């Protein structure tokens, strides 16, 4: 059932319409065969003739059990998906008249998010008549981006959508340390310093 969504993506056996095909495989040299001969070869080996590159001239096929082929394909997709790094988007909300204490508190959180390899979506929410302070909100977000320049880059400058003005930032390359891996060398350095002081 798991491979059902992959079925139908490849022509097999009599579904292949080309007059000749190039057959590749682990146990044979690539070579071009008439389709009738290729089908006989598949039948003799009790496997399927699977078209893996239909746009090639001639199309490229493989002699393999189709169920096994789908399983290998699914497994490869799963491995590729596992290698992809998941990036979370962390939201930070400001008011148009955020004080310095609250600003610095949120700035510290944003630095932590970027160091963890996460993206940051910061926005100013304008309630009621506070929309009159939209320029003040834009200045706040630009200041925020400037203070984070060492840790992240701006993906999108401040944009006003409804009652929200939003800015997006991504971590700089080499910044992602996911779950505190970068903190380890610093601890070792401190231990080395203490040892040096003791000597």
C-alpha atoms as a PDB file:
ATOM      1  CA  UNK A   1       0.000   0.000   0.000  1.00  0.00           C
ATOM      2  CA  UNK A   2       2.892   2.390   0.781  1.00  0.00           C
ATOM      3  CA  UNK A   3       4.160   2.148  -2.791  1.00  0.00           C
ATOM      4  CA  UNK A   4       0.764   2.806  -4.402  1.00  0.00           C
ATOM      5  CA  UNK A   5       1.553   6.493  -4.927  1.00  0.00           C
ATOM      6  CA  UNK A   6       4.672   5.518  -6.932  1.00  0.00           C
ATOM      7  CA  UNK A   7       2.869   3.053  -9.169  1.00  0.00           C
ATOM      8  CA  UNK A   8       1.993   4.337 -12.609  1.00  0.00           C
ATOM      9  CA  UNK A   9       5.016   6.646 -12.707  1.00  0.00           C
ATOM     10  CA  UNK A  10       6.990   4.135 -14.782  1.00  0.00           C
ATOM     11  CA  UNK A  11       6.046   2.111 -17.851  1.00  0.00           C
ATOM     12  CA  UNK A  12       6.759  -1.588 -17.481  1.00  0.00           C
ATOM     13  CA  UNK A  13       6.879  -4.533 -19.895  1.00  0.00           C
ATOM     14  CA  UNK A  14       4.280  -4.198 -22.712  1.00  0.00           C
ATOM     15  CA  UNK A  15       3.489  -0.611 -21.643  1.00  0.00           C
ATOM     16  CA  UNK A  16       6.841   0.518 -23.086  1.00  0.00           C
ATOM     17  CA  UNK A  17       6.168   1.943 -26.551  1.00  0.00           C
ATOM     18  CA  UNK A  18       9.740   2.426 -27.869  1.00  0.00           C
ATOM     19  CA  UNK A  19      11.021   0.146 -30.649  1.00  0.00           C
ATOM     20  CA  UNK A  20      14.348  -0.315 -28.863  1.00  0.00           C
ATOM     21  CA  UNK A  21      15.650   0.372 -25.342  1.00  0.00           C
ATOM     22  CA  UNK A  22      18.967   0.700 -23.553  1.00  0.00           C
ATOM     23  CA  UNK A  23      19.181  -1.804 -20.715  1.00  0.00           C
ATOM     24  CA  UNK A  24      21.354  -1.026 -17.672  1.00  0.00           C
ATOM     25  CA  UNK A  25      21.930  -3.055 -14.538  1.00  0.00           C
ATOM     26  CA  UNK A  26      24.408  -4.040 -11.866  1.00  0.00           C
ATOM     27  CA  UNK A  27      25.216  -7.378 -13.495  1.00  0.00           C
ATOM     28  CA  UNK A  28      25.381  -6.349 -17.159  1.00  0.00           C
ATOM     29  CA  UNK A  29      26.994  -3.869 -19.543  1.00  0.00           C
ATOM     30  CA  UNK A  30      24.664  -1.132 -20.846  1.00  0.00           C
ATOM     31  CA  UNK A  31      23.498  -2.044 -24.347  1.00  0.00           C
ATOM     32  CA  UNK A  32      20.671  -1.273 -26.793  1.00  0.00           C
ATOM     33  CA  UNK A  33      18.171  -4.056 -27.587  1.00  0.00           C
ATOM     34  CA  UNK A  34      15.011  -4.283 -29.707  1.00  0.00           C
ATOM     35  CA  UNK A  35      11.979  -4.120 -27.404  1.00  0.00           C
ATOM     36  CA  UNK A  36      10.946  -7.697 -28.240  1.00  0.00           C
ATOM     37  CA  UNK A  37      14.360  -9.040 -27.198  1.00  0.00           C
ATOM     38  CA  UNK A  38      14.367  -6.906 -24.046  1.00  0.00           C
ATOM     39  CA  UNK A  39      10.958  -8.321 -23.038  1.00  0.00           C
ATOM     40  CA  UNK A  40      12.220 -11.883 -23.631  1.00  0.00           C
ATOM     41  CA  UNK A  41      15.262 -11.177 -21.446  1.00  0.00           C
ATOM     42  CA  UNK A  42      12.964  -9.982 -18.658  1.00  0.00           C
ATOM     43  CA  UNK A  43      10.770 -13.062 -19.034  1.00  0.00           C
ATOM     44  CA  UNK A  44      13.768 -15.418 -18.981  1.00  0.00           C
ATOM     45  CA  UNK A  45      14.972 -13.836 -15.737  1.00  0.00           C
ATOM     46  CA  UNK A  46      11.446 -13.801 -14.288  1.00  0.00           C
ATOM     47  CA  UNK A  47      11.620 -10.046 -13.672  1.00  0.00           C
ATOM     48  CA  UNK A  48      10.064  -6.919 -15.197  1.00  0.00           C
ATOM     49  CA  UNK A  49      11.369  -4.541 -17.823  1.00  0.00           C
ATOM     50  CA  UNK A  50      11.083  -1.151 -16.098  1.00  0.00           C
ATOM     51  CA  UNK A  51      11.509   2.132 -18.006  1.00  0.00           C
ATOM     52  CA  UNK A  52      13.547   4.415 -15.717  1.00  0.00           C
ATOM     53  CA  UNK A  53      14.472   7.232 -18.164  1.00  0.00           C
ATOM     54  CA  UNK A  54      11.677   7.618 -20.746  1.00  0.00           C
ATOM     55  CA  UNK A  55      13.087  10.834 -22.265  1.00  0.00           C
ATOM     56  CA  UNK A  56      16.471   9.356 -23.151  1.00  0.00           C
ATOM     57  CA  UNK A  57      17.180   8.268 -26.749  1.00  0.00           C
ATOM     58  CA  UNK A  58      16.567   5.361 -26.679  1.00  0.00           C
ATOM     59  CA  UNK A  59      14.693   5.082 -23.347  1.00  0.00           C
ATOM     60  CA  UNK A  60      16.699   3.533 -20.501  1.00  0.00           C
ATOM     61  CA  UNK A  61      15.271   0.407 -18.859  1.00  0.00           C
ATOM     62  CA  UNK A  62      16.217  -1.919 -16.050  1.00  0.00           C
ATOM     63  CA  UNK A  63      15.610  -5.633 -15.581  1.00  0.00           C
ATOM     64  CA  UNK A  64      14.235  -5.840 -12.053  1.00  0.00           C
ATOM     65  CA  UNK A  65      11.225  -7.056 -10.107  1.00  0.00           C
ATOM     66  CA  UNK A  66       8.889  -4.040 -10.188  1.00  0.00           C
ATOM     67  CA  UNK A  67       7.871  -4.430  -6.525  1.00  0.00           C
ATOM     68  CA  UNK A  68      11.555  -4.484  -5.522  1.00  0.00           C
ATOM     69  CA  UNK A  69      12.191  -1.436  -7.727  1.00  0.00           C
ATOM     70  CA  UNK A  70       9.378   0.507  -6.008  1.00  0.00           C
ATOM     71  CA  UNK A  71      10.677  -0.526  -2.589  1.00  0.00           C
ATOM     72  CA  UNK A  72      14.194   0.716  -3.428  1.00  0.00           C
ATOM     73  CA  UNK A  73      12.762   3.963  -4.781  1.00  0.00           C
ATOM     74  CA  UNK A  74      10.687   4.519  -1.640  1.00  0.00           C
ATOM     75  CA  UNK A  75      13.671   3.734   0.570  1.00  0.00           C
ATOM     76  CA  UNK A  76      15.859   6.205  -1.336  1.00  0.00           C
ATOM     77  CA  UNK A  77      13.230   8.952  -1.037  1.00  0.00           C
ATOM     78  CA  UNK A  78      12.956   8.276   2.704  1.00  0.00           C
ATOM     79  CA  UNK A  79      16.740   8.554   3.123  1.00  0.00           C
ATOM     80  CA  UNK A  80      16.834  11.821   1.184  1.00  0.00           C
ATOM     81  CA  UNK A  81      14.012  13.217   3.306  1.00  0.00           C
ATOM     82  CA  UNK A  82      15.855  12.221   6.488  1.00  0.00           C
ATOM     83  CA  UNK A  83      18.946  14.135   5.320  1.00  0.00           C
ATOM     84  CA  UNK A  84      16.980  17.337   4.839  1.00  0.00           C
ATOM     85  CA  UNK A  85      17.412  19.718   7.754  1.00  0.00           C
ATOM     86  CA  UNK A  86      14.124  20.830   9.227  1.00  0.00           C
ATOM     87  CA  UNK A  87      13.991  24.600   9.621  1.00  0.00           C
ATOM     88  CA  UNK A  88      11.505  26.025  12.101  1.00  0.00           C
ATOM     89  CA  UNK A  89      10.133  29.562  11.875  1.00  0.00           C
ATOM     90  CA  UNK A  90      10.043  31.283  15.261  1.00  0.00           C
ATOM     91  CA  UNK A  91       7.708  34.252  15.706  1.00  0.00           C
ATOM     92  CA  UNK A  92       8.533  37.346  17.765  1.00  0.00           C
ATOM     93  CA  UNK A  93       5.852  39.938  18.345  1.00  0.00           C
ATOM     94  CA  UNK A  94       6.339  43.621  19.123  1.00  0.00           C
ATOM     95  CA  UNK A  95       4.030  46.502  19.875  1.00  0.00           C
ATOM     96  CA  UNK A  96       4.697  49.783  18.037  1.00  0.00           C
ATOM     97  CA  UNK A  97       5.952  51.343  21.285  1.00  0.00           C
ATOM     98  CA  UNK A  98       7.992  48.459  22.734  1.00  0.00           C
ATOM     99  CA  UNK A  99      10.314  49.628  25.531  1.00  0.00           C
ATOM    100  CA  UNK A 100      14.065  48.877  25.596  1.00  0.00           C
ATOM    101  CA  UNK A 101      13.803  46.162  28.270  1.00  0.00           C
ATOM    102  CA  UNK A 102      11.209  44.185  26.303  1.00  0.00           C
ATOM    103  CA  UNK A 103      13.121  44.820  23.063  1.00  0.00           C
ATOM    104  CA  UNK A 104      16.402  43.473  24.463  1.00  0.00           C
ATOM    105  CA  UNK A 105      14.616  40.444  25.935  1.00  0.00           C
ATOM    106  CA  UNK A 106      13.168  39.575  22.522  1.00  0.00           C
ATOM    107  CA  UNK A 107      16.451  40.335  20.764  1.00  0.00           C
ATOM    108  CA  UNK A 108      18.182  37.787  23.015  1.00  0.00           C
ATOM    109  CA  UNK A 109      15.573  35.160  22.077  1.00  0.00           C
ATOM    110  CA  UNK A 110      16.012  35.929  18.372  1.00  0.00           C
ATOM    111  CA  UNK A 111      19.790  35.478  18.634  1.00  0.00           C
ATOM    112  CA  UNK A 112      19.208  32.077  20.245  1.00  0.00           C
ATOM    113  CA  UNK A 113      16.776  31.042  17.496  1.00  0.00           C
ATOM    114  CA  UNK A 114      19.209  32.041  14.719  1.00  0.00           C
ATOM    115  CA  UNK A 115      22.091  30.262  16.461  1.00  0.00           C
ATOM    116  CA  UNK A 116      19.922  27.128  16.536  1.00  0.00           C
ATOM    117  CA  UNK A 117      19.468  27.382  12.770  1.00  0.00           C
ATOM    118  CA  UNK A 118      15.848  28.550  12.898  1.00  0.00           C
ATOM    119  CA  UNK A 119      14.309  31.369  10.862  1.00  0.00           C
ATOM    120  CA  UNK A 120      12.835  34.374  12.652  1.00  0.00           C
ATOM    121  CA  UNK A 121       9.577  36.082  11.742  1.00  0.00           C
ATOM    122  CA  UNK A 122       9.348  39.328  13.667  1.00  0.00           C
ATOM    123  CA  UNK A 123       6.287  41.521  13.433  1.00  0.00           C
ATOM    124  CA  UNK A 124       4.740  44.635  14.911  1.00  0.00           C
ATOM    125  CA  UNK A 125       1.031  44.314  15.636  1.00  0.00           C
ATOM    126  CA  UNK A 126      -0.970  47.524  15.417  1.00  0.00           C
ATOM    127  CA  UNK A 127      -4.119  47.594  17.558  1.00  0.00           C
ATOM    128  CA  UNK A 128      -6.818  50.141  16.780  1.00  0.00           C
ATOM    129  CA  UNK A 129      -5.453  53.622  16.232  1.00  0.00           C
ATOM    130  CA  UNK A 130      -1.868  52.460  16.801  1.00  0.00           C
ATOM    131  CA  UNK A 131      -1.712  51.924  12.998  1.00  0.00           C
ATOM    132  CA  UNK A 132      -0.829  55.645  12.991  1.00  0.00           C
ATOM    133  CA  UNK A 133       2.574  54.572  14.353  1.00  0.00           C
ATOM    134  CA  UNK A 134       3.387  52.340  11.364  1.00  0.00           C
ATOM    135  CA  UNK A 135       6.571  54.321  10.592  1.00  0.00           C
ATOM    136  CA  UNK A 136       7.668  53.793  14.185  1.00  0.00           C
ATOM    137  CA  UNK A 137       7.012  50.069  13.722  1.00  0.00           C
ATOM    138  CA  UNK A 138       9.135  49.980  10.571  1.00  0.00           C
ATOM    139  CA  UNK A 139      12.008  51.736  12.348  1.00  0.00           C
ATOM    140  CA  UNK A 140      11.755  49.180  15.172  1.00  0.00           C
ATOM    141  CA  UNK A 141      11.980  46.217  12.773  1.00  0.00           C
ATOM    142  CA  UNK A 142      14.898  47.734  10.857  1.00  0.00           C
ATOM    143  CA  UNK A 143      16.712  48.305  14.148  1.00  0.00           C
ATOM    144  CA  UNK A 144      15.969  44.684  15.051  1.00  0.00           C
ATOM    145  CA  UNK A 145      17.448  43.457  11.738  1.00  0.00           C
ATOM    146  CA  UNK A 146      20.507  45.663  12.199  1.00  0.00           C
ATOM    147  CA  UNK A 147      21.120  44.355  15.742  1.00  0.00           C
ATOM    148  CA  UNK A 148      20.913  40.788  14.374  1.00  0.00           C
ATOM    149  CA  UNK A 149      23.252  41.462  11.447  1.00  0.00           C
ATOM    150  CA  UNK A 150      25.996  39.293  12.972  1.00  0.00           C
ATOM    151  CA  UNK A 151      23.657  36.298  13.324  1.00  0.00           C
ATOM    152  CA  UNK A 152      21.184  36.480  10.441  1.00  0.00           C
ATOM    153  CA  UNK A 153      20.381  37.988   7.074  1.00  0.00           C
ATOM    154  CA  UNK A 154      17.147  39.683   6.036  1.00  0.00           C
ATOM    155  CA  UNK A 155      15.003  37.582   3.691  1.00  0.00           C
ATOM    156  CA  UNK A 156      12.238  40.161   3.442  1.00  0.00           C
ATOM    157  CA  UNK A 157      12.226  43.834   4.418  1.00  0.00           C
ATOM    158  CA  UNK A 158       9.331  45.124   6.577  1.00  0.00           C
ATOM    159  CA  UNK A 159       5.997  44.660   4.825  1.00  0.00           C
ATOM    160  CA  UNK A 160       2.628  45.901   6.121  1.00  0.00           C
ATOM    161  CA  UNK A 161      -0.196  43.384   5.739  1.00  0.00           C
ATOM    162  CA  UNK A 162      -3.418  44.410   7.442  1.00  0.00           C
ATOM    163  CA  UNK A 163      -2.548  45.217  11.058  1.00  0.00           C
ATOM    164  CA  UNK A 164       0.848  43.500  10.951  1.00  0.00           C
ATOM    165  CA  UNK A 165       4.217  44.720   9.722  1.00  0.00           C
ATOM    166  CA  UNK A 166       6.527  41.729   9.254  1.00  0.00           C
ATOM    167  CA  UNK A 167      10.204  41.078   8.601  1.00  0.00           C
ATOM    168  CA  UNK A 168      11.857  37.680   7.946  1.00  0.00           C
ATOM    169  CA  UNK A 169      15.409  36.707   8.861  1.00  0.00           C
ATOM    170  CA  UNK A 170      17.428  33.545   8.172  1.00  0.00           C
ATOM    171  CA  UNK A 171      20.514  32.325  10.032  1.00  0.00           C
ATOM    172  CA  UNK A 172      23.833  33.067   8.374  1.00  0.00           C
ATOM    173  CA  UNK A 173      25.723  30.109   6.914  1.00  0.00           C
ATOM    174  CA  UNK A 174      27.736  28.328   9.573  1.00  0.00           C
ATOM    175  CA  UNK A 175      25.555  29.867  12.291  1.00  0.00           C
ATOM    176  CA  UNK A 176      23.315  26.801  12.812  1.00  0.00           C
ATOM    177  CA  UNK A 177      24.544  24.826  15.806  1.00  0.00           C
ATOM    178  CA  UNK A 178      21.266  22.946  16.486  1.00  0.00           C
ATOM    179  CA  UNK A 179      20.674  22.194  20.114  1.00  0.00           C
ATOM    180  CA  UNK A 180      23.798  23.717  21.583  1.00  0.00           C
ATOM    181  CA  UNK A 181      26.593  21.872  19.802  1.00  0.00           C
ATOM    182  CA  UNK A 182      28.566  25.090  19.480  1.00  0.00           C
ATOM    183  CA  UNK A 183      28.537  25.678  23.208  1.00  0.00           C
ATOM    184  CA  UNK A 184      30.785  22.669  23.846  1.00  0.00           C
ATOM    185  CA  UNK A 185      34.087  24.135  22.604  1.00  0.00           C
ATOM    186  CA  UNK A 186      33.499  27.209  24.757  1.00  0.00           C
ATOM    187  CA  UNK A 187      33.225  24.999  27.874  1.00  0.00           C
ATOM    188  CA  UNK A 188      36.438  23.231  26.941  1.00  0.00           C
ATOM    189  CA  UNK A 189      38.170  26.589  26.482  1.00  0.00           C
ATOM    190  CA  UNK A 190      37.098  27.657  29.977  1.00  0.00           C
ATOM    191  CA  UNK A 191      38.437  24.409  31.435  1.00  0.00           C
ATOM    192  CA  UNK A 192      41.713  24.995  29.615  1.00  0.00           C
ATOM    193  CA  UNK A 193      41.870  28.555  31.004  1.00  0.00           C
ATOM    194  CA  UNK A 194      41.269  27.330  34.564  1.00  0.00           C
ATOM    195  CA  UNK A 195      43.972  24.701  34.142  1.00  0.00           C
ATOM    196  CA  UNK A 196      46.384  27.322  32.829  1.00  0.00           C
ATOM    197  CA  UNK A 197      45.606  29.606  35.810  1.00  0.00           C
ATOM    198  CA  UNK A 198      46.201  26.741  38.232  1.00  0.00           C
ATOM    199  CA  UNK A 199      49.653  26.123  36.728  1.00  0.00           C
END
